[in-house]
């Protein structure tokens, strides 16, 4: 009898835990997390855990953008401060996992990500994950017709990080997670780290060359002594 009661309550508790986890998942999916871009100072003092990574994507738009929606757990929403964006980059720390651009909300309505492009990406832990350049381009000047696409502009991404988030780039690997494949990032980062290593190794020689030389007084010429 006691064994039966133990099995009964164990089963009820297990079901309760499953229901509780299911409710938590629904709550996480339903609540969108605001994507807040990092400043140079924040990225310099930032360090991710095994549960988080950095998302980096570019934004270029010919229309007023109110929100960019990204599916995932948790769902993400980015709201630009300026209505029009031209080669603007967003760098933020988010949980690891799989995501996908789902839609862009403009002043004219909702533009959904269609099935003609690859919109999904994966965020790896403790890495800068460049997922592409989100472009909302006007097709014709005389009508409000726009095309939404995700392109690869890794050269712009590398240049942005080198100029704006130097310290983070020095200590964190940059990887490409956008549509298609990319070989430029690996090449650019190898060159970047080689230059950084050369500068570190040449610093002692440079300091020695610039160090003032002390000459004994007895060796000074008459002109120098004056």
N, C-alpha and C. Protein backbone atom coordinates (compact mmCIF):
# COMPACT_ATOMS: atom_id res chain seq x y z
N UNK A 1 0.84 -1.21 0.00
CA UNK A 1 0.00 0.00 0.00
C UNK A 1 0.87 1.25 0.00
N UNK A 2 1.93 1.25 0.84
CA UNK A 2 2.82 2.41 0.89
C UNK A 2 3.57 2.58 -0.42
N UNK A 3 3.94 1.48 -1.05
CA UNK A 3 4.64 1.54 -2.33
C UNK A 3 3.74 2.14 -3.40
N UNK A 4 2.47 1.75 -3.41
CA UNK A 4 1.53 2.28 -4.38
C UNK A 4 1.33 3.78 -4.19
N UNK A 5 1.22 4.24 -2.93
CA UNK A 5 1.06 5.67 -2.68
C UNK A 5 2.30 6.45 -3.12
N UNK A 6 3.47 5.86 -2.88
CA UNK A 6 4.71 6.53 -3.29
C UNK A 6 4.77 6.69 -4.81
N UNK A 7 4.41 5.62 -5.54
CA UNK A 7 4.42 5.68 -7.00
C UNK A 7 3.38 6.68 -7.50
N UNK A 8 2.22 6.75 -6.83
CA UNK A 8 1.14 7.66 -7.24
C UNK A 8 1.59 9.12 -7.13
N UNK A 9 2.14 9.48 -5.94
CA UNK A 9 2.55 10.85 -5.73
C UNK A 9 3.78 11.21 -6.56
N UNK A 10 4.66 10.25 -6.82
CA UNK A 10 5.83 10.51 -7.67
C UNK A 10 5.39 10.83 -9.09
N UNK A 11 4.37 10.09 -9.57
CA UNK A 11 3.85 10.34 -10.91
C UNK A 11 3.19 11.71 -10.99
N UNK A 12 2.41 12.07 -9.94
CA UNK A 12 1.74 13.37 -9.94
C UNK A 12 2.76 14.51 -9.91
N UNK A 13 3.82 14.33 -9.11
CA UNK A 13 4.84 15.37 -9.02
C UNK A 13 5.59 15.51 -10.34
N UNK A 14 5.87 14.40 -11.03
CA UNK A 14 6.55 14.45 -12.31
C UNK A 14 5.71 15.18 -13.34
N UNK A 15 4.40 14.90 -13.37
CA UNK A 15 3.51 15.60 -14.30
C UNK A 15 3.44 17.09 -13.98
N UNK A 16 3.44 17.42 -12.69
CA UNK A 16 3.39 18.83 -12.30
C UNK A 16 4.65 19.56 -12.75
N UNK A 17 5.80 18.90 -12.64
CA UNK A 17 7.04 19.51 -13.10
C UNK A 17 7.02 19.74 -14.60
N UNK A 18 6.49 18.77 -15.35
CA UNK A 18 6.41 18.91 -16.81
C UNK A 18 5.50 20.06 -17.20
N UNK A 19 4.36 20.17 -16.51
CA UNK A 19 3.44 21.26 -16.80
C UNK A 19 4.08 22.60 -16.47
N UNK A 20 4.80 22.65 -15.36
CA UNK A 20 5.46 23.89 -14.95
C UNK A 20 6.52 24.30 -15.97
N UNK A 21 7.31 23.35 -16.46
CA UNK A 21 8.33 23.64 -17.48
C UNK A 21 7.69 24.11 -18.78
N UNK A 22 6.55 23.46 -19.13
CA UNK A 22 5.85 23.84 -20.35
C UNK A 22 5.33 25.28 -20.26
N UNK A 23 4.80 25.64 -19.09
CA UNK A 23 4.31 27.00 -18.89
C UNK A 23 5.46 28.00 -18.96
N UNK A 24 6.62 27.65 -18.40
CA UNK A 24 7.77 28.53 -18.47
C UNK A 24 8.22 28.75 -19.90
N UNK A 25 8.18 27.69 -20.70
CA UNK A 25 8.58 27.80 -22.12
C UNK A 25 7.63 28.72 -22.87
N UNK A 26 6.33 28.55 -22.62
CA UNK A 26 5.36 29.42 -23.27
C UNK A 26 5.56 30.87 -22.87
N UNK A 27 5.87 31.07 -21.60
CA UNK A 27 6.09 32.43 -21.12
C UNK A 27 7.33 33.05 -21.77
N UNK A 28 8.38 32.23 -21.92
CA UNK A 28 9.61 32.72 -22.53
C UNK A 28 9.40 33.05 -23.99
N UNK A 29 8.64 32.21 -24.70
CA UNK A 29 8.39 32.45 -26.12
C UNK A 29 7.50 33.67 -26.31
N UNK A 30 6.55 33.86 -25.42
CA UNK A 30 5.59 34.94 -25.59
C UNK A 30 6.14 36.31 -25.24
N UNK A 31 7.16 36.36 -24.40
CA UNK A 31 7.72 37.65 -23.98
C UNK A 31 8.94 37.98 -24.82
N UNK A 32 8.85 39.06 -25.55
CA UNK A 32 9.95 39.47 -26.42
C UNK A 32 10.98 40.24 -25.62
N UNK A 33 12.24 40.00 -25.92
CA UNK A 33 13.34 40.68 -25.25
C UNK A 33 13.84 41.80 -26.15
N UNK A 34 14.01 42.98 -25.58
CA UNK A 34 14.50 44.12 -26.34
C UNK A 34 15.99 43.99 -26.59
N UNK A 35 16.37 44.16 -27.84
CA UNK A 35 17.77 44.06 -28.22
C UNK A 35 18.43 45.44 -28.02
N UNK A 36 19.38 45.50 -27.11
CA UNK A 36 20.04 46.77 -26.79
C UNK A 36 21.48 46.73 -27.28
N UNK A 37 21.81 47.55 -28.28
CA UNK A 37 23.18 47.57 -28.81
C UNK A 37 24.18 47.99 -27.74
N UNK A 38 25.38 47.42 -27.80
CA UNK A 38 26.43 47.71 -26.84
C UNK A 38 27.24 48.91 -27.31
N UNK A 39 27.65 49.73 -26.36
CA UNK A 39 28.55 50.84 -26.64
C UNK A 39 29.99 50.33 -26.63
N UNK A 40 30.91 51.18 -27.05
CA UNK A 40 32.32 50.81 -27.05
C UNK A 40 32.80 50.50 -25.64
N UNK A 41 32.40 51.30 -24.68
CA UNK A 41 32.81 51.09 -23.30
C UNK A 41 32.23 49.79 -22.74
N UNK A 42 30.97 49.50 -23.07
CA UNK A 42 30.35 48.27 -22.58
C UNK A 42 31.03 47.03 -23.15
N UNK A 43 31.34 47.05 -24.43
CA UNK A 43 31.97 45.88 -25.05
C UNK A 43 33.40 45.67 -24.54
N UNK A 44 34.08 46.77 -24.20
CA UNK A 44 35.45 46.66 -23.69
C UNK A 44 35.48 45.97 -22.33
N UNK A 45 34.42 46.14 -21.55
CA UNK A 45 34.34 45.54 -20.21
C UNK A 45 33.45 44.30 -20.17
N UNK A 46 33.09 43.79 -21.34
CA UNK A 46 32.14 42.67 -21.40
C UNK A 46 32.86 41.34 -21.48
N UNK A 47 32.22 40.32 -20.92
CA UNK A 47 32.72 38.94 -21.01
C UNK A 47 31.51 38.01 -20.98
N UNK A 48 31.36 37.18 -22.00
CA UNK A 48 30.22 36.29 -22.08
C UNK A 48 30.47 35.00 -21.30
N UNK A 49 29.39 34.29 -21.03
CA UNK A 49 29.47 32.98 -20.40
C UNK A 49 29.24 31.92 -21.47
N UNK A 50 29.20 30.66 -21.03
CA UNK A 50 28.94 29.58 -21.98
C UNK A 50 27.50 29.59 -22.47
N UNK A 51 26.65 30.39 -21.83
CA UNK A 51 25.24 30.44 -22.19
C UNK A 51 24.90 31.63 -23.08
N UNK A 52 25.87 32.49 -23.35
CA UNK A 52 25.60 33.68 -24.16
C UNK A 52 26.68 33.87 -25.22
N UNK A 53 26.33 34.66 -26.22
CA UNK A 53 27.25 35.02 -27.29
C UNK A 53 26.86 36.39 -27.81
N UNK A 54 27.63 36.91 -28.76
CA UNK A 54 27.35 38.22 -29.33
C UNK A 54 26.72 38.07 -30.71
N UNK A 55 25.65 38.82 -30.94
CA UNK A 55 25.05 38.90 -32.27
C UNK A 55 25.48 40.21 -32.90
N UNK A 56 25.86 40.14 -34.16
CA UNK A 56 26.25 41.33 -34.92
C UNK A 56 25.56 41.28 -36.27
N UNK A 57 24.81 42.32 -36.58
CA UNK A 57 24.22 42.41 -37.92
C UNK A 57 24.16 43.87 -38.36
N UNK A 58 24.23 44.06 -39.67
CA UNK A 58 24.14 45.38 -40.25
C UNK A 58 22.72 45.71 -40.65
N UNK A 59 22.45 46.98 -40.80
CA UNK A 59 21.10 47.42 -41.16
C UNK A 59 21.20 48.58 -42.14
N UNK A 60 20.51 48.44 -43.25
CA UNK A 60 20.42 49.51 -44.24
C UNK A 60 18.99 49.56 -44.75
N UNK A 61 18.36 50.73 -44.65
CA UNK A 61 16.94 50.83 -44.98
C UNK A 61 16.64 52.13 -45.70
N UNK A 62 15.74 52.03 -46.68
CA UNK A 62 15.23 53.21 -47.39
C UNK A 62 13.88 53.64 -46.84
N UNK A 63 13.40 52.94 -45.82
CA UNK A 63 12.08 53.25 -45.24
C UNK A 63 12.20 53.43 -43.73
N UNK A 64 11.20 54.01 -43.16
CA UNK A 64 11.13 54.19 -41.70
C UNK A 64 10.90 52.84 -41.04
N UNK A 65 11.83 52.44 -40.18
CA UNK A 65 11.73 51.16 -39.46
C UNK A 65 11.38 51.43 -38.01
N UNK A 66 10.32 50.77 -37.56
CA UNK A 66 9.92 50.90 -36.16
C UNK A 66 10.45 49.74 -35.33
N UNK A 67 10.33 48.51 -35.85
CA UNK A 67 10.78 47.34 -35.10
C UNK A 67 11.31 46.29 -36.08
N UNK A 68 12.32 45.56 -35.62
CA UNK A 68 12.82 44.37 -36.31
C UNK A 68 12.58 43.19 -35.38
N UNK A 69 11.85 42.20 -35.86
CA UNK A 69 11.46 41.05 -35.04
C UNK A 69 12.30 39.82 -35.41
N UNK A 70 12.80 39.16 -34.37
CA UNK A 70 13.63 37.97 -34.55
C UNK A 70 13.03 36.84 -33.72
N UNK A 71 12.71 35.72 -34.38
CA UNK A 71 12.18 34.56 -33.66
C UNK A 71 13.29 33.82 -32.94
N UNK A 72 12.96 33.27 -31.78
CA UNK A 72 13.92 32.51 -31.01
C UNK A 72 13.44 32.37 -29.58
N UNK A 73 14.27 31.79 -28.74
CA UNK A 73 13.96 31.67 -27.32
C UNK A 73 15.09 32.35 -26.55
N UNK A 74 14.87 33.59 -26.12
CA UNK A 74 13.61 34.34 -26.24
C UNK A 74 13.52 35.06 -27.58
N UNK A 75 12.30 35.47 -27.99
CA UNK A 75 12.17 36.30 -29.18
C UNK A 75 12.83 37.66 -28.93
N UNK A 76 13.38 38.25 -29.99
CA UNK A 76 14.10 39.51 -29.86
C UNK A 76 13.43 40.59 -30.70
N UNK A 77 13.48 41.81 -30.21
CA UNK A 77 12.95 42.96 -30.94
C UNK A 77 13.95 44.10 -30.86
N UNK A 78 14.28 44.65 -32.03
CA UNK A 78 15.17 45.80 -32.07
C UNK A 78 14.42 47.00 -32.64
N UNK A 79 14.47 48.11 -31.94
CA UNK A 79 13.79 49.35 -32.36
C UNK A 79 14.83 50.43 -32.58
N UNK A 80 15.14 50.75 -33.84
CA UNK A 80 16.16 51.77 -34.13
C UNK A 80 15.75 53.14 -33.60
N UNK A 81 16.74 53.91 -33.18
CA UNK A 81 16.47 55.26 -32.71
C UNK A 81 16.18 56.20 -33.88
N UNK A 82 16.87 55.95 -35.02
CA UNK A 82 16.66 56.76 -36.20
C UNK A 82 15.79 56.01 -37.20
N UNK A 83 14.93 56.74 -37.90
CA UNK A 83 13.99 56.11 -38.81
C UNK A 83 14.70 55.49 -40.01
N UNK A 84 15.70 56.16 -40.56
CA UNK A 84 16.43 55.64 -41.71
C UNK A 84 17.82 55.22 -41.28
N UNK A 85 18.24 54.06 -41.74
CA UNK A 85 19.54 53.52 -41.35
C UNK A 85 20.37 53.27 -42.60
N UNK A 86 21.64 53.67 -42.55
CA UNK A 86 22.54 53.45 -43.68
C UNK A 86 23.82 52.84 -43.13
N UNK A 87 24.00 51.54 -43.42
CA UNK A 87 25.17 50.79 -42.96
C UNK A 87 25.38 50.96 -41.46
N UNK A 88 24.30 50.77 -40.73
CA UNK A 88 24.33 50.84 -39.27
C UNK A 88 24.50 49.42 -38.73
N UNK A 89 25.30 49.26 -37.67
CA UNK A 89 25.56 47.93 -37.11
C UNK A 89 25.02 47.84 -35.69
N UNK A 90 24.54 46.64 -35.36
CA UNK A 90 24.01 46.35 -34.03
C UNK A 90 24.81 45.20 -33.44
N UNK A 91 25.41 45.43 -32.28
CA UNK A 91 26.16 44.42 -31.55
C UNK A 91 25.53 44.28 -30.17
N UNK A 92 25.13 43.05 -29.80
CA UNK A 92 24.47 42.83 -28.51
C UNK A 92 24.78 41.42 -28.01
N UNK A 93 24.67 41.25 -26.71
CA UNK A 93 24.87 39.94 -26.09
C UNK A 93 23.51 39.28 -25.87
N UNK A 94 23.35 38.05 -26.37
CA UNK A 94 22.09 37.32 -26.27
C UNK A 94 22.35 35.86 -25.91
N UNK A 95 21.32 35.12 -25.48
CA UNK A 95 21.50 33.69 -25.19
C UNK A 95 21.85 32.91 -26.44
N UNK A 96 22.61 31.85 -26.28
CA UNK A 96 22.97 30.99 -27.40
C UNK A 96 21.72 30.25 -27.90
N UNK A 97 21.77 29.82 -29.14
CA UNK A 97 20.64 29.09 -29.70
C UNK A 97 20.38 29.47 -31.14
N UNK A 98 19.24 29.00 -31.64
CA UNK A 98 18.84 29.23 -33.02
C UNK A 98 17.83 30.37 -33.10
N UNK A 99 18.01 31.23 -34.08
CA UNK A 99 17.14 32.39 -34.29
C UNK A 99 16.84 32.54 -35.78
N UNK A 100 15.91 33.44 -36.07
CA UNK A 100 15.58 33.74 -37.46
C UNK A 100 14.90 35.10 -37.54
N UNK A 101 15.31 35.92 -38.51
CA UNK A 101 14.60 37.18 -38.77
C UNK A 101 13.20 36.83 -39.28
N UNK A 102 12.17 37.41 -38.65
CA UNK A 102 10.80 37.06 -39.03
C UNK A 102 10.08 38.19 -39.75
N UNK A 103 10.27 39.44 -39.33
CA UNK A 103 9.55 40.54 -39.96
C UNK A 103 10.18 41.88 -39.59
N UNK A 104 9.81 42.90 -40.36
CA UNK A 104 10.21 44.27 -40.11
C UNK A 104 8.95 45.13 -40.12
N UNK A 105 8.76 45.90 -39.06
CA UNK A 105 7.61 46.79 -38.97
C UNK A 105 8.03 48.20 -39.39
N UNK A 106 7.35 48.71 -40.40
CA UNK A 106 7.63 50.04 -40.91
C UNK A 106 6.42 50.95 -40.67
N UNK A 107 6.57 52.21 -41.05
CA UNK A 107 5.45 53.13 -40.92
C UNK A 107 4.31 52.82 -41.87
N UNK A 108 4.60 51.97 -42.88
CA UNK A 108 3.58 51.60 -43.87
C UNK A 108 2.96 50.24 -43.59
N UNK A 109 3.50 49.51 -42.63
CA UNK A 109 2.94 48.20 -42.32
C UNK A 109 4.02 47.18 -42.02
N UNK A 110 3.61 45.92 -42.01
CA UNK A 110 4.50 44.81 -41.66
C UNK A 110 5.05 44.16 -42.93
N UNK A 111 6.36 44.01 -42.97
CA UNK A 111 7.02 43.31 -44.08
C UNK A 111 7.60 42.02 -43.53
N UNK A 112 7.06 40.90 -43.96
CA UNK A 112 7.49 39.60 -43.43
C UNK A 112 8.66 39.05 -44.25
N UNK A 113 9.48 38.27 -43.57
CA UNK A 113 10.59 37.59 -44.24
C UNK A 113 10.03 36.42 -45.04
N UNK A 114 10.17 36.46 -46.37
CA UNK A 114 9.60 35.42 -47.22
C UNK A 114 10.51 34.20 -47.28
N UNK A 115 10.04 33.21 -47.99
CA UNK A 115 10.77 31.96 -48.07
C UNK A 115 11.83 31.91 -49.14
N UNK A 116 12.05 33.02 -49.84
CA UNK A 116 13.05 33.03 -50.91
C UNK A 116 14.47 33.21 -50.38
N UNK A 117 14.62 33.57 -49.13
CA UNK A 117 15.93 33.78 -48.55
C UNK A 117 16.09 32.94 -47.28
N UNK A 118 17.35 32.73 -46.90
CA UNK A 118 17.66 32.03 -45.65
C UNK A 118 17.75 33.07 -44.54
N UNK A 119 16.84 32.97 -43.58
CA UNK A 119 16.76 33.98 -42.52
C UNK A 119 17.25 33.47 -41.17
N UNK A 120 17.49 32.18 -41.05
CA UNK A 120 17.85 31.60 -39.76
C UNK A 120 19.36 31.65 -39.52
N UNK A 121 19.73 31.64 -38.26
CA UNK A 121 21.14 31.65 -37.89
C UNK A 121 21.28 31.08 -36.48
N UNK A 122 22.50 30.73 -36.14
CA UNK A 122 22.81 30.16 -34.83
C UNK A 122 23.82 31.04 -34.11
N UNK A 123 23.59 31.27 -32.83
CA UNK A 123 24.51 32.05 -32.00
C UNK A 123 25.37 31.09 -31.18
N UNK A 124 26.66 31.12 -31.41
CA UNK A 124 27.61 30.31 -30.64
C UNK A 124 28.04 31.06 -29.39
N UNK A 125 28.38 30.32 -28.36
CA UNK A 125 28.78 30.94 -27.10
C UNK A 125 30.17 31.54 -27.20
N UNK A 126 30.35 32.68 -26.52
CA UNK A 126 31.63 33.35 -26.36
C UNK A 126 32.28 33.71 -27.69
N UNK A 127 31.46 34.02 -28.70
CA UNK A 127 31.94 34.43 -30.01
C UNK A 127 31.13 35.63 -30.51
N UNK A 128 31.71 36.40 -31.43
CA UNK A 128 30.98 37.44 -32.13
C UNK A 128 30.41 36.80 -33.39
N UNK A 129 29.09 36.66 -33.44
CA UNK A 129 28.42 35.97 -34.54
C UNK A 129 27.85 37.00 -35.53
N UNK A 130 28.55 37.17 -36.66
CA UNK A 130 28.04 38.08 -37.68
C UNK A 130 27.02 37.32 -38.52
N UNK A 131 25.76 37.77 -38.49
CA UNK A 131 24.66 37.02 -39.12
C UNK A 131 24.21 37.65 -40.44
N UNK A 132 24.85 38.74 -40.87
CA UNK A 132 24.51 39.31 -42.16
C UNK A 132 24.10 40.77 -42.07
N UNK A 133 23.74 41.30 -43.23
CA UNK A 133 23.35 42.70 -43.38
C UNK A 133 21.88 42.73 -43.81
N UNK A 134 21.01 43.20 -42.93
CA UNK A 134 19.58 43.27 -43.22
C UNK A 134 19.30 44.53 -44.04
N UNK A 135 18.77 44.33 -45.24
CA UNK A 135 18.54 45.45 -46.15
C UNK A 135 17.07 45.55 -46.53
N UNK A 136 16.53 46.74 -46.40
CA UNK A 136 15.17 47.05 -46.85
C UNK A 136 15.29 48.12 -47.93
N UNK A 137 15.23 47.67 -49.17
CA UNK A 137 15.51 48.55 -50.30
C UNK A 137 14.23 48.90 -51.06
N UNK A 138 14.19 50.15 -51.51
CA UNK A 138 13.06 50.60 -52.32
C UNK A 138 13.25 50.14 -53.77
N UNK A 139 12.21 49.53 -54.33
CA UNK A 139 12.29 49.03 -55.70
C UNK A 139 12.03 50.14 -56.72
N UNK A 140 11.11 51.04 -56.40
CA UNK A 140 10.77 52.15 -57.30
C UNK A 140 10.61 53.42 -56.48
N UNK A 141 11.04 54.55 -57.03
CA UNK A 141 10.94 55.81 -56.32
C UNK A 141 9.51 56.33 -56.26
N UNK A 142 8.69 55.93 -57.22
CA UNK A 142 7.35 56.49 -57.30
C UNK A 142 6.30 55.66 -56.56
N UNK A 143 6.69 54.56 -55.91
CA UNK A 143 5.73 53.77 -55.12
C UNK A 143 6.42 53.20 -53.90
N UNK A 144 5.61 52.84 -52.91
CA UNK A 144 6.14 52.29 -51.66
C UNK A 144 6.27 50.77 -51.79
N UNK A 145 7.23 50.36 -52.62
CA UNK A 145 7.50 48.94 -52.82
C UNK A 145 8.92 48.65 -52.32
N UNK A 146 9.04 47.70 -51.42
CA UNK A 146 10.33 47.43 -50.80
C UNK A 146 10.68 45.95 -50.88
N UNK A 147 11.97 45.70 -50.89
CA UNK A 147 12.47 44.32 -50.89
C UNK A 147 13.32 44.12 -49.64
N UNK A 148 13.01 43.08 -48.89
CA UNK A 148 13.74 42.74 -47.67
C UNK A 148 14.66 41.57 -47.96
N UNK A 149 15.93 41.73 -47.66
CA UNK A 149 16.88 40.65 -47.90
C UNK A 149 18.00 40.69 -46.86
N UNK A 150 18.67 39.55 -46.73
CA UNK A 150 19.79 39.42 -45.80
C UNK A 150 21.04 39.12 -46.62
N UNK A 151 21.95 40.09 -46.68
CA UNK A 151 23.15 39.98 -47.50
C UNK A 151 24.39 39.80 -46.64
N UNK A 152 25.47 39.43 -47.30
CA UNK A 152 26.75 39.26 -46.62
C UNK A 152 27.66 40.43 -46.96
N UNK A 153 27.96 41.26 -45.97
CA UNK A 153 28.89 42.37 -46.13
C UNK A 153 29.92 42.29 -45.00
N UNK A 154 30.63 41.17 -44.98
CA UNK A 154 31.55 40.90 -43.88
C UNK A 154 32.70 41.90 -43.82
N UNK A 155 33.10 42.46 -44.96
CA UNK A 155 34.19 43.44 -44.94
C UNK A 155 33.79 44.68 -44.14
N UNK A 156 32.52 45.11 -44.28
CA UNK A 156 32.03 46.24 -43.50
C UNK A 156 31.96 45.88 -42.01
N UNK A 157 31.58 44.64 -41.72
CA UNK A 157 31.47 44.20 -40.33
C UNK A 157 32.84 44.19 -39.65
N UNK A 158 33.84 43.67 -40.34
CA UNK A 158 35.20 43.64 -39.78
C UNK A 158 35.71 45.06 -39.55
N UNK A 159 35.49 45.94 -40.52
CA UNK A 159 35.92 47.33 -40.39
C UNK A 159 35.22 48.02 -39.21
N UNK A 160 33.94 47.74 -39.05
CA UNK A 160 33.18 48.33 -37.93
C UNK A 160 33.75 47.89 -36.59
N UNK A 161 34.03 46.60 -36.44
CA UNK A 161 34.56 46.10 -35.17
C UNK A 161 35.96 46.63 -34.90
N UNK A 162 36.79 46.73 -35.92
CA UNK A 162 38.15 47.24 -35.73
C UNK A 162 38.14 48.69 -35.29
N UNK A 163 37.19 49.46 -35.77
CA UNK A 163 37.15 50.88 -35.44
C UNK A 163 36.38 51.18 -34.16
N UNK A 164 35.37 50.37 -33.85
CA UNK A 164 34.45 50.70 -32.75
C UNK A 164 34.61 49.79 -31.53
N UNK A 165 34.92 48.52 -31.74
CA UNK A 165 34.99 47.57 -30.63
C UNK A 165 36.33 46.82 -30.69
N UNK A 166 37.41 47.59 -30.63
CA UNK A 166 38.75 47.03 -30.80
C UNK A 166 39.10 46.03 -29.70
N UNK A 167 38.86 46.39 -28.46
CA UNK A 167 39.23 45.52 -27.34
C UNK A 167 38.45 44.21 -27.37
N UNK A 168 37.18 44.28 -27.69
CA UNK A 168 36.38 43.05 -27.77
C UNK A 168 36.88 42.15 -28.89
N UNK A 169 37.23 42.74 -30.03
CA UNK A 169 37.70 41.96 -31.17
C UNK A 169 39.05 41.30 -30.88
N UNK A 170 39.87 41.93 -30.05
CA UNK A 170 41.18 41.37 -29.72
C UNK A 170 41.08 40.11 -28.86
N UNK A 171 39.99 40.00 -28.09
CA UNK A 171 39.88 38.87 -27.16
C UNK A 171 38.75 37.91 -27.49
N UNK A 172 38.02 38.17 -28.59
CA UNK A 172 36.87 37.34 -28.94
C UNK A 172 36.93 36.96 -30.41
N UNK A 173 36.66 35.70 -30.73
CA UNK A 173 36.66 35.22 -32.11
C UNK A 173 35.43 35.75 -32.86
N UNK A 174 35.64 36.11 -34.12
CA UNK A 174 34.56 36.54 -35.00
C UNK A 174 34.26 35.43 -35.98
N UNK A 175 32.98 35.03 -36.07
CA UNK A 175 32.57 33.94 -36.96
C UNK A 175 31.39 34.41 -37.81
N UNK A 176 31.26 33.79 -38.99
CA UNK A 176 30.15 34.13 -39.89
C UNK A 176 29.03 33.12 -39.71
N UNK A 177 27.82 33.63 -39.46
CA UNK A 177 26.65 32.77 -39.25
C UNK A 177 25.49 33.16 -40.17
N UNK A 178 25.77 33.93 -41.20
CA UNK A 178 24.72 34.38 -42.10
C UNK A 178 24.46 33.40 -43.23
N UNK A 179 23.68 33.81 -44.23
CA UNK A 179 23.35 32.92 -45.35
C UNK A 179 24.58 32.64 -46.22
N UNK A 180 24.66 31.42 -46.71
CA UNK A 180 25.79 31.05 -47.56
C UNK A 180 27.06 30.85 -46.76
N UNK A 181 28.19 30.93 -47.46
CA UNK A 181 29.49 30.75 -46.82
C UNK A 181 30.32 32.02 -46.94
N UNK A 182 31.37 32.10 -46.13
CA UNK A 182 32.21 33.29 -46.14
C UNK A 182 33.64 32.87 -45.82
N UNK A 183 34.59 33.38 -46.60
CA UNK A 183 36.01 33.11 -46.36
C UNK A 183 36.78 34.37 -46.00
N UNK A 184 36.15 35.53 -46.17
CA UNK A 184 36.85 36.79 -45.93
C UNK A 184 37.14 36.99 -44.45
N UNK A 185 36.20 36.64 -43.58
CA UNK A 185 36.37 36.89 -42.15
C UNK A 185 37.59 36.16 -41.61
N UNK A 186 37.76 34.88 -41.97
CA UNK A 186 38.93 34.13 -41.50
C UNK A 186 40.22 34.78 -41.99
N UNK A 187 40.23 35.21 -43.26
CA UNK A 187 41.42 35.85 -43.82
C UNK A 187 41.70 37.18 -43.12
N UNK A 188 40.66 38.00 -42.95
CA UNK A 188 40.82 39.31 -42.34
C UNK A 188 41.27 39.19 -40.88
N UNK A 189 40.70 38.23 -40.14
CA UNK A 189 41.06 38.08 -38.74
C UNK A 189 42.48 37.55 -38.58
N UNK A 190 42.92 36.67 -39.52
CA UNK A 190 44.30 36.18 -39.47
C UNK A 190 45.28 37.34 -39.69
N UNK A 191 44.96 38.22 -40.64
CA UNK A 191 45.81 39.39 -40.88
C UNK A 191 45.78 40.34 -39.68
N UNK A 192 44.62 40.51 -39.11
CA UNK A 192 44.45 41.43 -37.97
C UNK A 192 45.26 40.95 -36.77
N UNK A 193 45.18 39.66 -36.47
CA UNK A 193 45.91 39.13 -35.32
C UNK A 193 47.42 39.09 -35.58
N UNK A 194 47.82 38.89 -36.85
CA UNK A 194 49.25 38.90 -37.17
C UNK A 194 49.83 40.29 -36.97
N UNK A 195 49.09 41.33 -37.38
CA UNK A 195 49.56 42.70 -37.16
C UNK A 195 49.63 43.03 -35.67
N UNK A 196 48.62 42.57 -34.92
CA UNK A 196 48.62 42.83 -33.48
C UNK A 196 49.79 42.14 -32.80
N UNK A 197 50.09 40.90 -33.21
CA UNK A 197 51.21 40.16 -32.63
C UNK A 197 52.54 40.82 -32.97
N UNK A 198 52.65 41.30 -34.21
CA UNK A 198 53.88 41.98 -34.63
C UNK A 198 54.11 43.25 -33.82
N UNK A 199 53.04 43.99 -33.56
CA UNK A 199 53.17 45.21 -32.77
C UNK A 199 53.61 44.90 -31.35
N UNK A 200 53.08 43.81 -30.78
CA UNK A 200 53.46 43.43 -29.42
C UNK A 200 54.94 43.03 -29.37
N UNK A 201 55.38 42.25 -30.37
CA UNK A 201 56.76 41.77 -30.37
C UNK A 201 57.75 42.89 -30.67
N UNK A 202 57.33 43.90 -31.43
CA UNK A 202 58.25 44.98 -31.80
C UNK A 202 58.30 46.10 -30.76
N UNK A 203 57.44 46.08 -29.78
CA UNK A 203 57.41 47.14 -28.77
C UNK A 203 58.72 47.23 -27.97
N UNK A 204 59.30 46.10 -27.48
CA UNK A 204 60.57 46.22 -26.73
C UNK A 204 61.68 46.85 -27.56
N UNK A 205 61.79 46.47 -28.85
CA UNK A 205 62.82 47.03 -29.72
C UNK A 205 62.60 48.52 -29.93
N UNK A 206 61.32 48.90 -30.08
CA UNK A 206 61.00 50.31 -30.27
C UNK A 206 61.32 51.12 -29.03
N UNK A 207 61.01 50.58 -27.86
CA UNK A 207 61.31 51.29 -26.61
C UNK A 207 62.82 51.45 -26.43
N UNK A 208 63.59 50.42 -26.83
CA UNK A 208 65.05 50.51 -26.71
C UNK A 208 65.60 51.56 -27.66
N UNK A 209 65.04 51.62 -28.88
CA UNK A 209 65.52 52.58 -29.87
C UNK A 209 65.20 54.01 -29.45
N UNK A 210 64.09 54.20 -28.77
CA UNK A 210 63.68 55.54 -28.37
C UNK A 210 64.25 55.95 -27.02
N UNK A 211 64.90 55.05 -26.31
CA UNK A 211 65.44 55.36 -25.00
C UNK A 211 66.62 56.31 -25.13
N UNK A 212 66.65 57.40 -24.38
CA UNK A 212 67.77 58.36 -24.48
C UNK A 212 69.08 57.73 -24.02
N UNK A 213 70.14 58.05 -24.75
CA UNK A 213 71.46 57.50 -24.44
C UNK A 213 72.21 58.49 -23.55
N UNK A 214 72.71 58.02 -22.42
CA UNK A 214 73.48 58.88 -21.49
C UNK A 214 74.96 58.83 -21.86
N UNK A 215 75.57 59.97 -22.07
CA UNK A 215 76.98 60.07 -22.46
C UNK A 215 77.77 60.61 -21.28
N UNK A 216 78.87 59.97 -20.89
CA UNK A 216 79.70 60.50 -19.79
C UNK A 216 80.19 61.91 -20.09
N UNK A 217 80.33 62.72 -19.05
CA UNK A 217 80.74 64.10 -19.24
C UNK A 217 82.10 64.22 -19.90
N UNK A 218 82.96 63.30 -19.61
CA UNK A 218 84.30 63.38 -20.18
C UNK A 218 84.32 63.19 -21.67
N UNK A 219 83.27 62.58 -22.25
CA UNK A 219 83.22 62.31 -23.66
C UNK A 219 82.48 63.39 -24.42
N UNK A 220 81.98 64.41 -23.74
CA UNK A 220 81.27 65.49 -24.42
C UNK A 220 82.25 66.38 -25.16
N UNK A 221 81.89 66.79 -26.33
CA UNK A 221 82.72 67.73 -27.07
C UNK A 221 82.58 69.12 -26.48
N UNK A 222 83.44 70.04 -26.84
CA UNK A 222 83.40 71.38 -26.31
C UNK A 222 82.11 72.08 -26.70
N UNK A 223 81.64 71.82 -27.92
CA UNK A 223 80.40 72.44 -28.35
C UNK A 223 79.21 71.91 -27.57
N UNK A 224 79.21 70.61 -27.30
CA UNK A 224 78.11 70.01 -26.53
C UNK A 224 78.13 70.49 -25.09
N UNK A 225 79.34 70.70 -24.55
CA UNK A 225 79.45 71.13 -23.16
C UNK A 225 78.88 72.52 -22.98
N UNK A 226 79.00 73.37 -23.96
CA UNK A 226 78.44 74.71 -23.87
C UNK A 226 76.94 74.67 -23.92
